[in-house]
Amino acid sequence: MGAVAKGPWLDEDEQQAWRSYLLMWKTLEAHLSRHLQREFGLSSSDFEILVNLSESETGRMRAYELGAATQWEKSRMSHHLSRMEKRGLISKVACDARYPEIVITEQGLEAIRACAPAHAALVRELVVDVLGDDRMIGIGEAADEVVTAVRKHQETCCPPEVRGDC
């Protein structure tokens, strides 16, 4: 069902669309990150971890599960979790397995409860309301298709060091 490849290079319209997409994503991500930092003292990485933990059924996850959810490498995850633990946002709790579970603390819950509504409102203002329902649905569908294509490429064409396995 995919389009027939035109060759290795993007044509002018494709190049323009790709660059517009990249500019949109970088601008939006930087703007949302600045709001999180200035208004709530959280980095976008803190927010991502807190969202995952707060949405888990038990408020706890293994580091490898967080790595899979965020697509971060082990080293980045380990360092970031240590920084969050020092700030009291998460704790590491020993369990039966080899590595501890990562648990959102009361302070972490308070932080996510404080910032999530404002963050969602800003996403609504800057993206959802600008694009409208039909285009949002289209973007969601297109995003799912791209993620599927990337995963297929990882499974069939990528050597392990490129794949990004957590």
C-alpha atoms as a PDB file:
ATOM      1  CA  MET A   1       0.000   0.000   0.000  1.00  0.00           C
ATOM      2  CA  GLY A   2       3.028   2.285   0.319  1.00  0.00           C
ATOM      3  CA  ALA A   3       4.133   4.719  -2.354  1.00  0.00           C
ATOM      4  CA  VAL A   4       6.608   3.626  -4.994  1.00  0.00           C
ATOM      5  CA  ALA A   5      10.086   4.930  -4.239  1.00  0.00           C
ATOM      6  CA  LYS A   6      11.190   7.735  -6.563  1.00  0.00           C
ATOM      7  CA  GLY A   7      14.877   7.273  -5.851  1.00  0.00           C
ATOM      8  CA  PRO A   8      17.232   8.037  -3.009  1.00  0.00           C
ATOM      9  CA  TRP A   9      16.737  11.825  -3.003  1.00  0.00           C
ATOM     10  CA  LEU A  10      13.706  13.754  -1.850  1.00  0.00           C
ATOM     11  CA  ASP A  11      12.125  15.984  -4.453  1.00  0.00           C
ATOM     12  CA  GLU A  12      11.601  19.681  -3.688  1.00  0.00           C
ATOM     13  CA  ASP A  13       8.107  19.236  -2.193  1.00  0.00           C
ATOM     14  CA  GLU A  14       9.188  16.241  -0.110  1.00  0.00           C
ATOM     15  CA  GLN A  15      12.266  18.099   1.128  1.00  0.00           C
ATOM     16  CA  GLN A  16      10.174  21.128   2.082  1.00  0.00           C
ATOM     17  CA  ALA A  17       7.602  18.987   3.907  1.00  0.00           C
ATOM     18  CA  TRP A  18      10.332  17.065   5.742  1.00  0.00           C
ATOM     19  CA  ARG A  19      12.116  20.232   6.836  1.00  0.00           C
ATOM     20  CA  SER A  20       8.836  21.813   7.920  1.00  0.00           C
ATOM     21  CA  TYR A  21       8.090  18.740   9.999  1.00  0.00           C
ATOM     22  CA  LEU A  22      11.550  18.841  11.628  1.00  0.00           C
ATOM     23  CA  LEU A  23      11.255  22.562  12.373  1.00  0.00           C
ATOM     24  CA  MET A  24       7.763  22.076  13.822  1.00  0.00           C
ATOM     25  CA  TRP A  25       8.883  19.220  16.069  1.00  0.00           C
ATOM     26  CA  LYS A  26      12.056  20.953  17.299  1.00  0.00           C
ATOM     27  CA  THR A  27      10.220  24.242  17.919  1.00  0.00           C
ATOM     28  CA  LEU A  28       7.324  22.572  19.719  1.00  0.00           C
ATOM     29  CA  GLU A  29       9.523  20.267  21.804  1.00  0.00           C
ATOM     30  CA  ALA A  30      11.822  23.119  22.870  1.00  0.00           C
ATOM     31  CA  HIS A  31       8.875  25.373  23.732  1.00  0.00           C
ATOM     32  CA  LEU A  32       7.077  22.700  25.769  1.00  0.00           C
ATOM     33  CA  SER A  33      10.344  21.826  27.534  1.00  0.00           C
ATOM     34  CA  ARG A  34      10.974  25.457  28.487  1.00  0.00           C
ATOM     35  CA  HIS A  35       7.478  25.711  29.973  1.00  0.00           C
ATOM     36  CA  LEU A  36       7.991  22.541  32.040  1.00  0.00           C
ATOM     37  CA  GLN A  37      11.348  23.800  33.289  1.00  0.00           C
ATOM     38  CA  ARG A  38      10.332  27.387  34.044  1.00  0.00           C
ATOM     39  CA  GLU A  39       6.886  26.734  35.483  1.00  0.00           C
ATOM     40  CA  PHE A  40       7.458  23.433  37.294  1.00  0.00           C
ATOM     41  CA  GLY A  41      11.213  22.837  37.571  1.00  0.00           C
ATOM     42  CA  LEU A  42      10.990  19.634  35.536  1.00  0.00           C
ATOM     43  CA  SER A  43      12.917  18.696  32.437  1.00  0.00           C
ATOM     44  CA  SER A  44      11.077  17.029  29.587  1.00  0.00           C
ATOM     45  CA  SER A  45      12.981  13.855  30.556  1.00  0.00           C
ATOM     46  CA  ASP A  46      11.696  14.104  34.145  1.00  0.00           C
ATOM     47  CA  PHE A  47       8.191  14.566  32.782  1.00  0.00           C
ATOM     48  CA  GLU A  48       8.491  11.534  30.498  1.00  0.00           C
ATOM     49  CA  ILE A  49       9.606   9.281  33.355  1.00  0.00           C
ATOM     50  CA  LEU A  50       6.940  10.625  35.745  1.00  0.00           C
ATOM     51  CA  VAL A  51       4.198  10.166  33.133  1.00  0.00           C
ATOM     52  CA  ASN A  52       5.186   6.538  32.586  1.00  0.00           C
ATOM     53  CA  LEU A  53       5.370   5.771  36.292  1.00  0.00           C
ATOM     54  CA  SER A  54       2.155   7.614  37.148  1.00  0.00           C
ATOM     55  CA  GLU A  55       0.273   5.801  34.385  1.00  0.00           C
ATOM     56  CA  SER A  56       1.497   2.369  35.442  1.00  0.00           C
ATOM     57  CA  GLU A  57      -0.984   0.395  37.512  1.00  0.00           C
ATOM     58  CA  THR A  58       1.298   0.205  40.546  1.00  0.00           C
ATOM     59  CA  GLY A  59       3.297   3.433  40.207  1.00  0.00           C
ATOM     60  CA  ARG A  60       6.396   1.341  39.690  1.00  0.00           C
ATOM     61  CA  MET A  61       8.309  -0.094  36.762  1.00  0.00           C
ATOM     62  CA  ARG A  62      11.592  -1.823  36.119  1.00  0.00           C
ATOM     63  CA  ALA A  63      14.293   0.342  34.553  1.00  0.00           C
ATOM     64  CA  TYR A  64      14.286  -1.812  31.414  1.00  0.00           C
ATOM     65  CA  GLU A  65      10.518  -1.224  31.077  1.00  0.00           C
ATOM     66  CA  LEU A  66      11.096   2.516  31.342  1.00  0.00           C
ATOM     67  CA  GLY A  67      13.877   2.157  28.781  1.00  0.00           C
ATOM     68  CA  ALA A  68      11.526   0.423  26.368  1.00  0.00           C
ATOM     69  CA  ALA A  69       8.790   3.017  26.948  1.00  0.00           C
ATOM     70  CA  THR A  70      11.132   5.986  26.461  1.00  0.00           C
ATOM     71  CA  GLN A  71      13.528   4.362  23.964  1.00  0.00           C
ATOM     72  CA  TRP A  72      16.467   5.539  26.064  1.00  0.00           C
ATOM     73  CA  GLU A  73      19.735   3.674  26.309  1.00  0.00           C
ATOM     74  CA  LYS A  74      20.664   2.044  29.646  1.00  0.00           C
ATOM     75  CA  SER A  75      23.335   4.600  30.451  1.00  0.00           C
ATOM     76  CA  ARG A  76      21.064   7.586  29.945  1.00  0.00           C
ATOM     77  CA  MET A  77      18.298   5.923  31.968  1.00  0.00           C
ATOM     78  CA  SER A  78      20.615   5.050  34.837  1.00  0.00           C
ATOM     79  CA  HIS A  79      22.073   8.547  35.101  1.00  0.00           C
ATOM     80  CA  HIS A  80      18.726  10.251  34.826  1.00  0.00           C
ATOM     81  CA  LEU A  81      17.067   8.022  37.405  1.00  0.00           C
ATOM     82  CA  SER A  82      19.913   8.752  39.832  1.00  0.00           C
ATOM     83  CA  ARG A  83      19.360  12.495  39.388  1.00  0.00           C
ATOM     84  CA  MET A  84      15.598  12.110  39.875  1.00  0.00           C
ATOM     85  CA  GLU A  85      16.155  10.001  42.992  1.00  0.00           C
ATOM     86  CA  LYS A  86      18.407  12.692  44.508  1.00  0.00           C
ATOM     87  CA  ARG A  87      15.594  15.211  43.918  1.00  0.00           C
ATOM     88  CA  GLY A  88      13.049  12.927  45.599  1.00  0.00           C
ATOM     89  CA  LEU A  89      10.884  12.358  42.502  1.00  0.00           C
ATOM     90  CA  ILE A  90      11.450   8.599  42.380  1.00  0.00           C
ATOM     91  CA  SER A  91      12.940   5.922  44.571  1.00  0.00           C
ATOM     92  CA  LYS A  92      14.608   2.632  43.808  1.00  0.00           C
ATOM     93  CA  VAL A  93      13.101  -0.254  45.744  1.00  0.00           C
ATOM     94  CA  ALA A  94      14.746  -3.655  46.077  1.00  0.00           C
ATOM     95  CA  CYS A  95      12.686  -6.566  44.818  1.00  0.00           C
ATOM     96  CA  ASP A  96      13.103 -10.282  44.102  1.00  0.00           C
ATOM     97  CA  ALA A  97      14.724  -9.585  40.750  1.00  0.00           C
ATOM     98  CA  ARG A  98      18.326  -8.553  40.153  1.00  0.00           C
ATOM     99  CA  TYR A  99      17.584  -4.855  39.697  1.00  0.00           C
ATOM    100  CA  PRO A 100      15.375  -2.601  41.817  1.00  0.00           C
ATOM    101  CA  GLU A 101      12.000  -1.300  40.794  1.00  0.00           C
ATOM    102  CA  ILE A 102      11.632   2.401  40.078  1.00  0.00           C
ATOM    103  CA  VAL A 103       8.803   3.872  42.139  1.00  0.00           C
ATOM    104  CA  ILE A 104       7.211   7.285  41.839  1.00  0.00           C
ATOM    105  CA  THR A 105       7.331   9.052  45.210  1.00  0.00           C
ATOM    106  CA  GLU A 106       4.671  11.278  46.724  1.00  0.00           C
ATOM    107  CA  GLN A 107       6.804  14.250  45.651  1.00  0.00           C
ATOM    108  CA  GLY A 108       6.914  12.841  42.108  1.00  0.00           C
ATOM    109  CA  LEU A 109       3.140  12.375  42.107  1.00  0.00           C
ATOM    110  CA  GLU A 110       2.661  15.943  43.307  1.00  0.00           C
ATOM    111  CA  ALA A 111       4.965  17.196  40.539  1.00  0.00           C
ATOM    112  CA  ILE A 112       3.135  15.328  37.764  1.00  0.00           C
ATOM    113  CA  ARG A 113      -0.274  16.312  39.135  1.00  0.00           C
ATOM    114  CA  ALA A 114       0.823  19.947  39.190  1.00  0.00           C
ATOM    115  CA  CYS A 115       2.274  20.119  35.697  1.00  0.00           C
ATOM    116  CA  ALA A 116       0.243  17.624  33.630  1.00  0.00           C
ATOM    117  CA  PRO A 117      -2.921  19.777  33.314  1.00  0.00           C
ATOM    118  CA  ALA A 118      -0.925  22.842  32.238  1.00  0.00           C
ATOM    119  CA  HIS A 119       1.142  20.760  29.826  1.00  0.00           C
ATOM    120  CA  ALA A 120      -1.978  19.190  28.290  1.00  0.00           C
ATOM    121  CA  ALA A 121      -3.603  22.633  27.971  1.00  0.00           C
ATOM    122  CA  LEU A 122      -0.534  23.953  26.141  1.00  0.00           C
ATOM    123  CA  VAL A 123      -0.492  20.940  23.788  1.00  0.00           C
ATOM    124  CA  ARG A 124      -4.184  21.551  23.139  1.00  0.00           C
ATOM    125  CA  GLU A 125      -3.582  25.259  22.420  1.00  0.00           C
ATOM    126  CA  LEU A 126      -0.533  24.784  20.198  1.00  0.00           C
ATOM    127  CA  VAL A 127      -1.428  21.573  18.365  1.00  0.00           C
ATOM    128  CA  VAL A 128      -4.920  20.164  18.833  1.00  0.00           C
ATOM    129  CA  ASP A 129      -6.831  23.420  18.432  1.00  0.00           C
ATOM    130  CA  VAL A 130      -4.622  24.536  15.545  1.00  0.00           C
ATOM    131  CA  LEU A 131      -5.040  21.304  13.580  1.00  0.00           C
ATOM    132  CA  GLY A 132      -8.586  20.321  14.480  1.00  0.00           C
ATOM    133  CA  ASP A 133     -10.073  16.870  14.916  1.00  0.00           C
ATOM    134  CA  ASP A 134      -9.735  15.526  11.362  1.00  0.00           C
ATOM    135  CA  ARG A 135      -6.095  16.499  10.926  1.00  0.00           C
ATOM    136  CA  MET A 136      -5.253  15.233  14.436  1.00  0.00           C
ATOM    137  CA  ILE A 137      -6.743  11.853  13.542  1.00  0.00           C
ATOM    138  CA  GLY A 138      -4.781  11.890  10.272  1.00  0.00           C
ATOM    139  CA  ILE A 139      -1.545  12.718  12.084  1.00  0.00           C
ATOM    140  CA  GLY A 140      -2.178   9.911  14.562  1.00  0.00           C
ATOM    141  CA  GLU A 141      -2.743   7.443  11.748  1.00  0.00           C
ATOM    142  CA  ALA A 142       0.310   8.660   9.833  1.00  0.00           C
ATOM    143  CA  ALA A 143       2.458   8.471  12.978  1.00  0.00           C
ATOM    144  CA  ASP A 144       1.346   4.881  13.603  1.00  0.00           C
ATOM    145  CA  GLU A 145       2.260   3.951  10.016  1.00  0.00           C
ATOM    146  CA  VAL A 146       5.722   5.518  10.325  1.00  0.00           C
ATOM    147  CA  VAL A 147       6.381   3.747  13.638  1.00  0.00           C
ATOM    148  CA  THR A 148       5.335   0.449  12.034  1.00  0.00           C
ATOM    149  CA  ALA A 149       7.698   1.091   9.098  1.00  0.00           C
ATOM    150  CA  VAL A 150      10.582   1.905  11.466  1.00  0.00           C
ATOM    151  CA  ARG A 151       9.976  -1.253  13.514  1.00  0.00           C
ATOM    152  CA  LYS A 152       9.835  -3.378  10.363  1.00  0.00           C
ATOM    153  CA  HIS A 153      13.098  -1.795   9.181  1.00  0.00           C
ATOM    154  CA  GLN A 154      14.708  -2.491  12.563  1.00  0.00           C
ATOM    155  CA  GLU A 155      13.635  -6.123  12.452  1.00  0.00           C
ATOM    156  CA  THR A 156      14.698  -6.769   8.873  1.00  0.00           C
ATOM    157  CA  CYS A 157      17.469  -4.391   7.824  1.00  0.00           C
ATOM    158  CA  CYS A 158      19.318  -2.979  10.818  1.00  0.00           C
ATOM    159  CA  PRO A 159      22.388  -4.428  12.464  1.00  0.00           C
ATOM    160  CA  PRO A 160      22.035  -4.597  16.291  1.00  0.00           C
ATOM    161  CA  GLU A 161      24.247  -1.551  16.873  1.00  0.00           C
ATOM    162  CA  VAL A 162      21.904   0.581  14.749  1.00  0.00           C
ATOM    163  CA  ARG A 163      18.657  -0.927  15.955  1.00  0.00           C
ATOM    164  CA  GLY A 164      18.611   0.931  19.235  1.00  0.00           C
ATOM    165  CA  ASP A 165      17.665  -2.044  21.394  1.00  0.00           C
ATOM    166  CA  CYS A 166      17.312  -1.075  25.035  1.00  0.00           C
END
